[in-house]
N, C-alpha and C. Protein backbone atom coordinates (compact mmCIF):
# COMPACT_ATOMS: atom_id res chain seq x y z
N MET A 1 160.49 -46.10 168.03
CA MET A 1 160.27 -47.58 168.05
C MET A 1 161.81 -47.82 167.63
N SER A 2 162.25 -48.98 167.98
CA SER A 2 163.76 -49.39 167.65
C SER A 2 163.25 -51.08 167.55
N VAL A 3 163.50 -52.07 166.64
CA VAL A 3 163.21 -53.31 166.38
C VAL A 3 164.29 -53.55 165.35
N HIS A 4 164.99 -54.70 165.51
CA HIS A 4 165.90 -55.26 165.06
C HIS A 4 165.22 -57.00 164.14
N SER A 5 166.44 -56.98 162.98
CA SER A 5 166.14 -58.34 162.55
C SER A 5 167.64 -58.49 162.19
N LYS A 6 167.58 -59.93 162.00
CA LYS A 6 169.01 -60.70 162.06
C LYS A 6 168.62 -61.36 160.34
N LEU A 7 170.11 -60.67 159.73
CA LEU A 7 169.78 -61.63 157.98
C LEU A 7 170.91 -62.63 157.97
N THR A 8 170.02 -63.46 157.37
CA THR A 8 170.56 -64.95 157.26
C THR A 8 171.65 -65.12 156.44
N ALA A 9 172.22 -66.07 156.17
CA ALA A 9 173.02 -66.50 155.26
C ALA A 9 172.59 -66.41 153.69
N GLN A 10 171.36 -66.73 153.66
CA GLN A 10 171.05 -66.65 152.26
C GLN A 10 170.24 -64.84 152.22
N GLY A 11 170.64 -64.44 153.16
CA GLY A 11 170.03 -62.79 152.78
C GLY A 11 168.53 -62.61 153.34
N GLN A 12 167.87 -63.33 153.68
CA GLN A 12 166.76 -63.01 154.27
C GLN A 12 166.61 -62.46 155.58
N ILE A 13 165.70 -61.93 155.71
CA ILE A 13 165.43 -61.31 157.52
C ILE A 13 163.61 -61.67 157.89
N SER A 14 164.07 -61.41 158.71
CA SER A 14 162.24 -62.08 159.21
C SER A 14 161.56 -60.41 159.62
N VAL A 15 160.51 -60.08 159.61
CA VAL A 15 159.90 -58.69 160.11
C VAL A 15 159.27 -58.76 161.09
N PRO A 16 159.59 -57.88 162.36
CA PRO A 16 159.27 -58.50 163.63
C PRO A 16 157.69 -58.20 163.43
N ALA A 17 156.99 -59.14 164.58
CA ALA A 17 155.57 -59.36 164.55
C ALA A 17 154.63 -57.60 164.79
N GLU A 18 155.77 -56.71 165.75
CA GLU A 18 155.07 -55.33 165.89
C GLU A 18 155.21 -55.22 164.43
N VAL A 19 156.12 -54.68 163.66
CA VAL A 19 156.31 -53.91 162.34
C VAL A 19 155.37 -54.55 161.30
N ARG A 20 154.67 -55.72 161.28
CA ARG A 20 153.97 -56.84 160.45
C ARG A 20 152.63 -55.93 161.04
N ARG A 21 152.52 -55.58 161.90
CA ARG A 21 151.07 -55.52 162.55
C ARG A 21 150.19 -53.89 162.25
N LYS A 22 152.36 -53.18 162.57
CA LYS A 22 151.55 -51.57 161.88
C LYS A 22 151.42 -51.24 160.61
N LEU A 23 152.11 -52.38 159.96
CA LEU A 23 151.78 -52.22 158.22
C LEU A 23 150.93 -52.88 157.58
N GLY A 24 150.54 -54.12 158.47
CA GLY A 24 149.70 -54.61 157.87
C GLY A 24 150.24 -55.83 157.17
N LEU A 25 150.58 -56.61 157.59
CA LEU A 25 151.45 -57.02 156.75
C LEU A 25 151.24 -58.48 156.68
N GLY A 26 150.91 -59.56 155.94
CA GLY A 26 150.91 -61.23 156.12
C GLY A 26 151.23 -61.64 155.32
N PRO A 27 150.70 -63.20 155.12
CA PRO A 27 151.64 -63.77 154.32
C PRO A 27 151.31 -63.75 152.58
N GLY A 28 152.78 -63.30 152.26
CA GLY A 28 152.24 -63.40 150.89
C GLY A 28 152.27 -61.45 150.68
N SER A 29 152.39 -60.87 151.39
CA SER A 29 152.75 -59.52 151.26
C SER A 29 154.33 -59.28 150.51
N VAL A 30 154.10 -57.69 149.59
CA VAL A 30 155.23 -57.47 149.19
C VAL A 30 155.48 -56.18 149.72
N ILE A 31 156.75 -56.22 150.14
CA ILE A 31 157.49 -54.84 150.42
C ILE A 31 158.22 -54.31 149.31
N GLU A 32 158.74 -52.98 149.65
CA GLU A 32 160.00 -52.30 148.66
C GLU A 32 160.77 -51.77 149.66
N TRP A 33 161.99 -51.45 148.93
CA TRP A 33 162.83 -50.75 149.40
C TRP A 33 163.33 -49.58 148.81
N GLU A 34 163.22 -48.59 149.51
CA GLU A 34 163.45 -46.99 148.89
C GLU A 34 164.39 -46.51 149.22
N GLU A 35 165.31 -45.85 148.43
CA GLU A 35 166.64 -45.07 149.63
C GLU A 35 166.42 -43.43 149.22
N ARG A 36 166.41 -43.16 150.69
CA ARG A 36 166.48 -41.64 150.84
C ARG A 36 167.10 -40.76 151.44
N ASP A 37 168.05 -39.64 151.02
CA ASP A 37 169.07 -39.48 151.74
C ASP A 37 170.17 -40.44 152.31
N GLY A 38 170.38 -41.53 151.79
CA GLY A 38 171.05 -42.52 151.90
C GLY A 38 170.62 -43.12 153.11
N GLU A 39 169.50 -43.84 152.91
CA GLU A 39 168.94 -44.20 154.34
C GLU A 39 167.38 -45.08 153.50
N TYR A 40 167.25 -46.43 153.99
CA TYR A 40 166.36 -47.16 153.11
C TYR A 40 164.92 -46.84 153.94
N VAL A 41 164.06 -46.72 153.66
CA VAL A 41 162.70 -46.68 153.96
C VAL A 41 161.78 -47.82 153.45
N VAL A 42 161.44 -48.72 153.94
CA VAL A 42 160.65 -50.26 153.90
C VAL A 42 159.54 -49.72 154.02
N ARG A 43 158.65 -50.32 153.04
CA ARG A 43 156.63 -49.98 153.34
C ARG A 43 156.25 -51.09 152.45
N PRO A 44 155.02 -51.72 152.64
CA PRO A 44 154.31 -52.30 151.07
C PRO A 44 154.28 -51.95 149.93
N VAL A 45 154.26 -52.79 149.25
CA VAL A 45 154.16 -52.10 147.82
C VAL A 45 152.81 -51.76 147.71
N GLY A 46 152.50 -50.34 146.97
CA GLY A 46 151.15 -50.03 146.96
C GLY A 46 150.65 -49.08 147.61
N ARG A 47 151.43 -48.87 148.80
CA ARG A 47 151.28 -47.58 149.84
C ARG A 47 151.76 -46.37 149.25
N THR A 48 151.14 -45.51 148.64
CA THR A 48 151.77 -44.06 148.41
C THR A 48 151.30 -42.88 148.95
N THR A 49 151.70 -41.95 149.83
CA THR A 49 151.33 -41.00 150.64
C THR A 49 150.84 -39.93 149.84
N SER A 50 149.97 -39.00 150.03
CA SER A 50 149.25 -38.61 149.64
C SER A 50 150.20 -37.25 149.34
N LEU A 51 151.27 -36.64 149.73
CA LEU A 51 152.62 -35.66 149.87
C LEU A 51 153.08 -36.41 148.41
N GLU A 52 153.35 -37.70 148.29
CA GLU A 52 154.06 -37.86 147.20
C GLU A 52 153.57 -37.32 145.63
N ILE A 53 152.24 -38.26 145.58
CA ILE A 53 151.45 -37.33 144.46
C ILE A 53 150.91 -35.87 144.60
N HIS A 54 150.80 -35.16 145.70
CA HIS A 54 151.22 -34.01 145.54
C HIS A 54 152.14 -33.39 144.53
N GLU A 55 153.29 -33.76 145.53
CA GLU A 55 154.56 -33.21 144.75
C GLU A 55 154.66 -33.41 143.46
N GLU A 56 154.10 -34.90 142.85
CA GLU A 56 154.79 -35.34 141.61
C GLU A 56 153.38 -34.68 140.43
N VAL A 57 152.39 -34.56 141.33
CA VAL A 57 151.45 -33.80 140.45
C VAL A 57 151.74 -32.38 140.12
N PHE A 58 152.03 -31.62 140.99
CA PHE A 58 152.07 -30.22 141.43
C PHE A 58 153.38 -29.10 141.25
N GLY A 59 154.53 -30.37 141.73
CA GLY A 59 155.99 -29.81 141.46
C GLY A 59 155.97 -29.16 142.83
N SER A 60 157.08 -28.19 142.88
CA SER A 60 157.30 -28.00 143.99
C SER A 60 156.50 -26.85 144.83
N THR A 61 155.87 -26.01 143.56
CA THR A 61 154.99 -25.07 143.94
C THR A 61 153.79 -24.96 144.67
N GLY A 62 153.12 -26.36 144.91
CA GLY A 62 152.08 -26.38 145.29
C GLY A 62 150.74 -25.97 144.94
N ALA A 63 150.87 -25.90 143.44
CA ALA A 63 149.51 -25.46 143.55
C ALA A 63 149.62 -25.74 141.99
N ALA A 64 148.12 -26.24 142.13
CA ALA A 64 146.93 -26.76 140.77
C ALA A 64 147.13 -25.82 139.96
N SER A 65 147.75 -26.16 138.46
CA SER A 65 147.65 -25.17 137.61
C SER A 65 146.55 -25.96 136.63
N GLY A 66 145.75 -26.43 136.50
CA GLY A 66 144.64 -26.91 136.01
C GLY A 66 143.40 -27.16 136.40
N PRO A 67 142.54 -27.52 135.07
CA PRO A 67 140.88 -28.11 135.59
C PRO A 67 141.06 -29.52 136.13
N PRO A 68 140.29 -30.11 137.01
CA PRO A 68 140.23 -31.04 138.06
C PRO A 68 140.60 -32.46 136.84
N ALA A 69 140.33 -32.68 135.30
CA ALA A 69 140.39 -33.09 134.68
C ALA A 69 142.01 -33.53 134.43
N ASP A 70 142.97 -32.47 134.51
CA ASP A 70 144.29 -32.75 134.52
C ASP A 70 144.93 -33.18 135.58
N VAL A 71 144.20 -32.74 136.71
CA VAL A 71 145.06 -33.43 137.64
C VAL A 71 144.59 -34.88 137.74
N ARG A 72 143.44 -35.12 137.77
CA ARG A 72 143.03 -36.46 137.71
C ARG A 72 144.12 -37.29 136.73
N GLN A 73 144.11 -36.44 135.85
CA GLN A 73 145.57 -37.48 134.85
C GLN A 73 146.48 -37.82 135.58
N GLY A 74 147.35 -36.10 135.76
CA GLY A 74 148.19 -36.54 136.74
C GLY A 74 148.21 -37.20 137.59
N ILE A 75 147.03 -37.63 138.53
CA ILE A 75 147.40 -38.47 139.44
C ILE A 75 147.61 -39.76 138.82
N THR A 76 146.57 -40.34 137.75
CA THR A 76 146.73 -41.53 137.34
C THR A 76 147.74 -42.17 136.53
N ALA A 77 148.84 -40.88 136.24
CA ALA A 77 149.96 -40.88 135.52
C ALA A 77 151.03 -41.55 136.54
N TYR A 78 150.71 -40.64 137.56
CA TYR A 78 151.97 -41.37 139.02
C TYR A 78 151.86 -42.07 139.38
N ILE A 79 150.65 -43.27 139.60
CA ILE A 79 150.43 -43.95 140.28
C ILE A 79 150.83 -45.49 139.03
N ARG A 80 150.77 -45.23 137.86
CA ARG A 80 150.53 -46.15 136.89
C ARG A 80 151.97 -46.21 136.58
N LYS A 81 152.73 -44.78 136.87
CA LYS A 81 154.58 -44.85 136.90
C LYS A 81 155.31 -45.35 138.14
N ARG A 82 154.63 -44.99 139.31
CA ARG A 82 154.96 -45.57 140.61
C ARG A 82 154.98 -47.33 140.29
N HIS A 83 154.08 -47.61 139.59
CA HIS A 83 153.93 -49.31 139.96
C HIS A 83 154.19 -49.89 138.97
N ALA A 84 154.51 -49.51 137.95
CA ALA A 84 155.07 -49.96 136.41
C ALA A 84 156.15 -50.89 136.97
N ARG A 85 155.90 -51.79 136.21
CA ARG A 85 157.00 -53.22 136.32
C ARG A 85 158.11 -52.68 135.36
N GLY A 86 159.62 -52.44 136.16
CA GLY A 86 160.59 -52.48 135.20
C GLY A 86 161.30 -53.40 135.03
């Protein structure tokens, strides 16, 4: 899928209707721009993939190294860090 937006003189863009539907965006929705390997990924704030949480909690080994309570604490810490206002 390839869609385009035009940048206004004020630096604003319109999110195409097809993209809004797929992302579940409506009036007042907040999106974030994340740089990854020289490109930007745009997604609704608050949406985190399970892979992102898994890598943060378990590292690159992918193996859980503690009891379930530790895993829950790791997930909680990740979510708080991800959504901290800075």
